[in-house]
Amino acid sequence: MATQRRTRQKFERVPGIAAPIVKVCLGNAVKKLQSEPAWEHGRSSRTLAKYPDFRAVLVTMKGGTSMEEHKTEGSISVHTLTGRVRLNVGKEHIEIPADHVVMLFSDLPHSVDALVDSSFLLTIAWHEPAES
């Protein structure tokens, strides 16, 4: 139990995101992100859950904005909640309208374009490194 508590404290910079159970109203969370100053610059995000092997991040993007190409160590899912985004993976361009989700294997370079004002839930899963 003490190890679990230390691990949770290590990952929890924002209170609650490493709690054993995290509950979020996504609609309210999107509205809150879009009312924050960062939204004026085109993109705003909030980590909803952060565990050693899993992250859930809510992202809002203004239409016409992009996330530069990057990759993650873990597999991801991009679940569009509102609007429409395009996931660019190599030469493939995948439009993801609201209520659709796309999953990507780990280490695939990708970028994201918001075709209109959009929000999506990004989940990242990976294996915890083996301890020596």
C-alpha atoms as a PDB file:
ATOM      1  CA  MET A   1       0.000   0.000   0.000  1.00  0.00           C
ATOM      2  CA  ALA A   2       2.845   2.408   0.844  1.00  0.00           C
ATOM      3  CA  THR A   3       4.469   1.748  -2.566  1.00  0.00           C
ATOM      4  CA  GLN A   4       1.161   2.487  -4.298  1.00  0.00           C
ATOM      5  CA  ARG A   5       0.828   5.744  -2.336  1.00  0.00           C
ATOM      6  CA  ARG A   6       4.420   6.812  -3.235  1.00  0.00           C
ATOM      7  CA  THR A   7       3.818   5.987  -6.922  1.00  0.00           C
ATOM      8  CA  ARG A   8       0.580   7.960  -6.905  1.00  0.00           C
ATOM      9  CA  GLN A   9       2.296  10.955  -5.269  1.00  0.00           C
ATOM     10  CA  LYS A  10       5.132  10.800  -7.813  1.00  0.00           C
ATOM     11  CA  PHE A  11       2.686  11.141 -10.717  1.00  0.00           C
ATOM     12  CA  GLU A  12       0.181  13.484  -9.105  1.00  0.00           C
ATOM     13  CA  ARG A  13       1.147  17.124  -9.560  1.00  0.00           C
ATOM     14  CA  VAL A  14      -2.515  18.099  -9.962  1.00  0.00           C
ATOM     15  CA  PRO A  15      -4.660  16.780  -7.103  1.00  0.00           C
ATOM     16  CA  GLY A  16      -6.954  13.932  -8.092  1.00  0.00           C
ATOM     17  CA  ILE A  17      -5.441  12.856 -11.414  1.00  0.00           C
ATOM     18  CA  ALA A  18      -3.763   9.809  -9.869  1.00  0.00           C
ATOM     19  CA  ALA A  19      -6.733   8.838  -7.698  1.00  0.00           C
ATOM     20  CA  PRO A  20      -7.844   5.194  -7.991  1.00  0.00           C
ATOM     21  CA  ILE A  21     -11.111   6.407  -9.560  1.00  0.00           C
ATOM     22  CA  VAL A  22     -11.347   9.597 -11.626  1.00  0.00           C
ATOM     23  CA  LYS A  23     -14.759  10.804 -12.827  1.00  0.00           C
ATOM     24  CA  VAL A  24     -15.129  13.679 -15.295  1.00  0.00           C
ATOM     25  CA  CYS A  25     -18.050  15.266 -17.148  1.00  0.00           C
ATOM     26  CA  LEU A  26     -16.383  15.750 -20.540  1.00  0.00           C
ATOM     27  CA  GLY A  27     -18.912  18.329 -21.767  1.00  0.00           C
ATOM     28  CA  ASN A  28     -18.302  20.566 -18.748  1.00  0.00           C
ATOM     29  CA  ALA A  29     -14.546  20.043 -18.983  1.00  0.00           C
ATOM     30  CA  VAL A  30     -14.538  21.101 -22.669  1.00  0.00           C
ATOM     31  CA  LYS A  31     -16.528  24.260 -21.844  1.00  0.00           C
ATOM     32  CA  LYS A  32     -14.101  25.104 -19.044  1.00  0.00           C
ATOM     33  CA  LEU A  33     -11.061  24.636 -21.314  1.00  0.00           C
ATOM     34  CA  GLN A  34     -12.611  26.870 -23.950  1.00  0.00           C
ATOM     35  CA  SER A  35     -13.147  29.608 -21.361  1.00  0.00           C
ATOM     36  CA  GLU A  36      -9.503  29.653 -20.242  1.00  0.00           C
ATOM     37  CA  PRO A  37      -6.899  32.126 -21.602  1.00  0.00           C
ATOM     38  CA  ALA A  38      -4.933  29.371 -23.403  1.00  0.00           C
ATOM     39  CA  TRP A  39      -7.937  28.805 -25.695  1.00  0.00           C
ATOM     40  CA  GLU A  40      -7.342  32.261 -27.200  1.00  0.00           C
ATOM     41  CA  HIS A  41      -3.995  30.963 -28.500  1.00  0.00           C
ATOM     42  CA  GLY A  42      -5.685  28.080 -30.312  1.00  0.00           C
ATOM     43  CA  ARG A  43      -5.233  25.093 -28.040  1.00  0.00           C
ATOM     44  CA  SER A  44      -5.919  24.130 -24.463  1.00  0.00           C
ATOM     45  CA  SER A  45      -5.545  20.804 -22.674  1.00  0.00           C
ATOM     46  CA  ARG A  46      -6.030  19.186 -19.296  1.00  0.00           C
ATOM     47  CA  THR A  47      -4.682  15.894 -18.005  1.00  0.00           C
ATOM     48  CA  LEU A  48      -7.655  14.017 -16.567  1.00  0.00           C
ATOM     49  CA  ALA A  49      -5.880  10.900 -15.300  1.00  0.00           C
ATOM     50  CA  LYS A  50      -2.202  10.092 -14.895  1.00  0.00           C
ATOM     51  CA  TYR A  51      -1.044   6.631 -13.893  1.00  0.00           C
ATOM     52  CA  PRO A  52       2.305   4.903 -14.467  1.00  0.00           C
ATOM     53  CA  ASP A  53       0.890   2.968 -17.455  1.00  0.00           C
ATOM     54  CA  PHE A  54      -1.936   5.232 -18.714  1.00  0.00           C
ATOM     55  CA  ARG A  55      -2.791   8.889 -19.380  1.00  0.00           C
ATOM     56  CA  ALA A  56      -6.055  10.552 -20.370  1.00  0.00           C
ATOM     57  CA  VAL A  57      -5.800  14.111 -21.718  1.00  0.00           C
ATOM     58  CA  LEU A  58      -8.645  16.327 -22.883  1.00  0.00           C
ATOM     59  CA  VAL A  59      -7.578  18.607 -25.740  1.00  0.00           C
ATOM     60  CA  THR A  60      -9.444  21.502 -27.374  1.00  0.00           C
ATOM     61  CA  MET A  61      -8.199  23.093 -30.588  1.00  0.00           C
ATOM     62  CA  LYS A  62      -9.472  26.010 -32.626  1.00  0.00           C
ATOM     63  CA  GLY A  63     -10.202  25.310 -36.265  1.00  0.00           C
ATOM     64  CA  GLY A  64      -7.106  25.805 -38.414  1.00  0.00           C
ATOM     65  CA  THR A  65      -4.620  25.016 -35.651  1.00  0.00           C
ATOM     66  CA  SER A  66      -2.229  22.062 -35.567  1.00  0.00           C
ATOM     67  CA  MET A  67      -0.115  19.947 -33.267  1.00  0.00           C
ATOM     68  CA  GLU A  68       3.311  19.381 -34.809  1.00  0.00           C
ATOM     69  CA  GLU A  69       4.486  15.893 -35.653  1.00  0.00           C
ATOM     70  CA  HIS A  70       5.462  13.863 -32.625  1.00  0.00           C
ATOM     71  CA  LYS A  71       5.307  10.291 -31.345  1.00  0.00           C
ATOM     72  CA  THR A  72       4.610   8.584 -28.047  1.00  0.00           C
ATOM     73  CA  GLU A  73       6.212   5.623 -26.365  1.00  0.00           C
ATOM     74  CA  GLY A  74       2.802   4.059 -25.877  1.00  0.00           C
ATOM     75  CA  SER A  75      -0.161   3.250 -28.057  1.00  0.00           C
ATOM     76  CA  ILE A  76      -2.771   6.015 -28.243  1.00  0.00           C
ATOM     77  CA  SER A  77      -6.391   6.629 -29.049  1.00  0.00           C
ATOM     78  CA  VAL A  78      -7.860   9.886 -30.354  1.00  0.00           C
ATOM     79  CA  HIS A  79     -11.596  10.077 -29.651  1.00  0.00           C
ATOM     80  CA  THR A  80     -13.133  13.207 -31.153  1.00  0.00           C
ATOM     81  CA  LEU A  81     -15.852  14.608 -28.905  1.00  0.00           C
ATOM     82  CA  THR A  82     -16.805  17.738 -30.854  1.00  0.00           C
ATOM     83  CA  GLY A  83     -15.849  19.084 -34.251  1.00  0.00           C
ATOM     84  CA  ARG A  84     -13.531  17.235 -36.651  1.00  0.00           C
ATOM     85  CA  VAL A  85      -9.788  16.628 -36.556  1.00  0.00           C
ATOM     86  CA  ARG A  86      -7.368  15.108 -39.032  1.00  0.00           C
ATOM     87  CA  LEU A  87      -4.720  12.701 -37.825  1.00  0.00           C
ATOM     88  CA  ASN A  88      -1.727  12.649 -40.168  1.00  0.00           C
ATOM     89  CA  VAL A  89       0.284   9.433 -39.965  1.00  0.00           C
ATOM     90  CA  GLY A  90       2.976   9.326 -42.634  1.00  0.00           C
ATOM     91  CA  LYS A  91       1.192   9.692 -45.982  1.00  0.00           C
ATOM     92  CA  GLU A  92      -2.177   8.728 -44.476  1.00  0.00           C
ATOM     93  CA  HIS A  93      -4.606  11.512 -43.477  1.00  0.00           C
ATOM     94  CA  ILE A  94      -7.448  10.250 -41.296  1.00  0.00           C
ATOM     95  CA  GLU A  95     -10.401  12.544 -40.634  1.00  0.00           C
ATOM     96  CA  ILE A  96     -12.010  11.857 -37.281  1.00  0.00           C
ATOM     97  CA  PRO A  97     -15.463  13.439 -36.872  1.00  0.00           C
ATOM     98  CA  ALA A  98     -17.243  13.748 -33.525  1.00  0.00           C
ATOM     99  CA  ASP A  99     -18.138  10.417 -31.899  1.00  0.00           C
ATOM    100  CA  HIS A 100     -15.389   8.536 -33.756  1.00  0.00           C
ATOM    101  CA  VAL A 101     -12.119   7.146 -32.436  1.00  0.00           C
ATOM    102  CA  VAL A 102      -8.830   6.068 -34.032  1.00  0.00           C
ATOM    103  CA  MET A 103      -6.149   4.008 -32.320  1.00  0.00           C
ATOM    104  CA  LEU A 104      -2.431   4.100 -33.169  1.00  0.00           C
ATOM    105  CA  PHE A 105       0.350   1.703 -32.294  1.00  0.00           C
ATOM    106  CA  SER A 106       3.220   3.164 -30.249  1.00  0.00           C
ATOM    107  CA  ASP A 107       6.082   5.111 -31.822  1.00  0.00           C
ATOM    108  CA  LEU A 108       4.178   6.115 -34.989  1.00  0.00           C
ATOM    109  CA  PRO A 109       5.015   9.735 -35.862  1.00  0.00           C
ATOM    110  CA  HIS A 110       1.797  11.725 -36.256  1.00  0.00           C
ATOM    111  CA  SER A 111       0.390  15.247 -36.231  1.00  0.00           C
ATOM    112  CA  VAL A 112      -3.113  16.595 -35.613  1.00  0.00           C
ATOM    113  CA  ASP A 113      -5.018  19.337 -37.471  1.00  0.00           C
ATOM    114  CA  ALA A 114      -8.275  20.818 -36.200  1.00  0.00           C
ATOM    115  CA  LEU A 115     -10.482  21.237 -39.259  1.00  0.00           C
ATOM    116  CA  VAL A 116     -13.047  23.178 -37.163  1.00  0.00           C
ATOM    117  CA  ASP A 117     -13.183  24.057 -33.454  1.00  0.00           C
ATOM    118  CA  SER A 118     -12.775  20.619 -31.905  1.00  0.00           C
ATOM    119  CA  SER A 119     -12.220  18.673 -28.723  1.00  0.00           C
ATOM    120  CA  PHE A 120     -10.859  15.169 -28.309  1.00  0.00           C
ATOM    121  CA  LEU A 121      -9.927  12.734 -25.608  1.00  0.00           C
ATOM    122  CA  LEU A 122      -6.375  11.485 -26.024  1.00  0.00           C
ATOM    123  CA  THR A 123      -5.481   8.291 -24.190  1.00  0.00           C
ATOM    124  CA  ILE A 124      -1.941   6.962 -23.963  1.00  0.00           C
ATOM    125  CA  ALA A 125      -1.094   3.495 -22.689  1.00  0.00           C
ATOM    126  CA  TRP A 126       2.323   1.979 -22.226  1.00  0.00           C
ATOM    127  CA  HIS A 127       4.145  -0.663 -20.268  1.00  0.00           C
ATOM    128  CA  GLU A 128       5.805   0.431 -17.080  1.00  0.00           C
ATOM    129  CA  PRO A 129       9.570  -0.089 -17.373  1.00  0.00           C
ATOM    130  CA  ALA A 130      10.833  -3.164 -15.575  1.00  0.00           C
ATOM    131  CA  GLU A 131      12.603  -2.366 -12.334  1.00  0.00           C
ATOM    132  CA  SER A 132      16.138  -3.669 -11.905  1.00  0.00           C
END
